[in-house]
C-alpha atoms as a PDB file:
ATOM      1  CA  MET A   1     132.265  55.586 108.731  1.00  0.00           C
ATOM      2  CA  THR A   2     129.981  57.777 110.674  1.00  0.00           C
ATOM      3  CA  ALA A   3     131.345  60.920 109.490  1.00  0.00           C
ATOM      4  CA  ARG A   4     130.360  59.575 105.846  1.00  0.00           C
ATOM      5  CA  ALA A   5     127.026  58.680 106.831  1.00  0.00           C
ATOM      6  CA  ALA A   6     126.269  61.974 108.673  1.00  0.00           C
ATOM      7  CA  SER A   7     127.437  64.063 105.623  1.00  0.00           C
ATOM      8  CA  LYS A   8     125.163  62.030 103.214  1.00  0.00           C
ATOM      9  CA  THR A   9     122.069  62.963 105.394  1.00  0.00           C
ATOM     10  CA  ASN A  10     123.109  66.583 105.359  1.00  0.00           C
ATOM     11  CA  HIS A  11     122.617  66.940 101.767  1.00  0.00           C
ATOM     12  CA  ARG A  12     119.139  68.264 101.203  1.00  0.00           C
ATOM     13  CA  LYS A  13     117.535  69.721  98.031  1.00  0.00           C
ATOM     14  CA  HIS A  14     116.116  72.938  98.616  1.00  0.00           C
ATOM     15  CA  GLN A  15     112.902  74.192  96.995  1.00  0.00           C
ATOM     16  CA  PRO A  16     112.978  77.362  95.146  1.00  0.00           C
ATOM     17  CA  ALA A  17     110.956  79.983  96.849  1.00  0.00           C
ATOM     18  CA  LEU A  18     107.835  81.013  95.284  1.00  0.00           C
ATOM     19  CA  ILE A  19     107.335  84.572  94.741  1.00  0.00           C
ATOM     20  CA  ASP A  20     104.125  85.980  96.347  1.00  0.00           C
ATOM     21  CA  THR A  21     102.919  88.584  93.975  1.00  0.00           C
ATOM     22  CA  ALA A  22     100.410  90.092  96.448  1.00  0.00           C
ATOM     23  CA  GLY A  23     102.924  90.386  99.215  1.00  0.00           C
ATOM     24  CA  LEU A  24     105.318  91.908  96.742  1.00  0.00           C
ATOM     25  CA  ALA A  25     102.859  94.459  95.633  1.00  0.00           C
ATOM     26  CA  SER A  26     101.989  95.448  99.255  1.00  0.00           C
ATOM     27  CA  VAL A  27     105.421  96.036 100.097  1.00  0.00           C
ATOM     28  CA  ILE A  28     106.193  98.047  97.031  1.00  0.00           C
ATOM     29  CA  ALA A  29     102.924 100.146  97.717  1.00  0.00           C
ATOM     30  CA  LEU A  30     104.291 100.640 101.288  1.00  0.00           C
ATOM     31  CA  ASN A  31     107.627 101.739 100.250  1.00  0.00           C
ATOM     32  CA  LEU A  32     106.260 104.221  97.647  1.00  0.00           C
ATOM     33  CA  THR A  33     103.774 105.564 100.362  1.00  0.00           C
ATOM     34  CA  ASN A  34     106.885 106.016 102.833  1.00  0.00           C
ATOM     35  CA  MET A  35     109.163 107.666 100.094  1.00  0.00           C
ATOM     36  CA  ALA A  36     106.245 110.238  99.120  1.00  0.00           C
ATOM     37  CA  THR A  37     105.777 110.974 103.053  1.00  0.00           C
ATOM     38  CA  VAL A  38     109.482 111.583 103.416  1.00  0.00           C
ATOM     39  CA  MET A  39     109.838 113.988 100.213  1.00  0.00           C
ATOM     40  CA  ALA A  40     106.639 115.861 101.264  1.00  0.00           C
ATOM     41  CA  SER A  41     107.986 116.644 104.680  1.00  0.00           C
ATOM     42  CA  SER A  42     111.782 117.417 103.437  1.00  0.00           C
ATOM     43  CA  ALA A  43     110.172 119.775 100.845  1.00  0.00           C
ATOM     44  CA  THR A  44     108.079 121.446 103.655  1.00  0.00           C
ATOM     45  CA  VAL A  45     110.989 121.938 105.925  1.00  0.00           C
ATOM     46  CA  LEU A  46     113.047 123.188 103.168  1.00  0.00           C
ATOM     47  CA  LEU A  47     110.266 125.892 102.137  1.00  0.00           C
ATOM     48  CA  CYS A  48     109.955 126.897 105.713  1.00  0.00           C
ATOM     49  CA  LEU A  49     113.597 127.464 106.143  1.00  0.00           C
ATOM     50  CA  LEU A  50     113.613 129.546 102.884  1.00  0.00           C
ATOM     51  CA  ILE A  51     110.761 131.671 104.085  1.00  0.00           C
ATOM     52  CA  ALA A  52     112.454 132.247 107.393  1.00  0.00           C
ATOM     53  CA  LYS A  53     115.767 133.141 105.905  1.00  0.00           C
ATOM     54  CA  ARG A  54     113.978 136.055 103.789  1.00  0.00           C
ATOM     55  CA  PHE A  55     112.796 137.731 107.084  1.00  0.00           C
END
């Protein structure tokens, strides 16, 4: 009987998670900034290697 009583108390209804639009927008902006930084540094390294190869 105790197993049945314990299993009934474990069933909880979960509230759906609310999406925080301000937090989501800040994460998207941060990701885009990081992506632009990585692309710019990669392009700079590639250009430097191409220039060094010519000499």
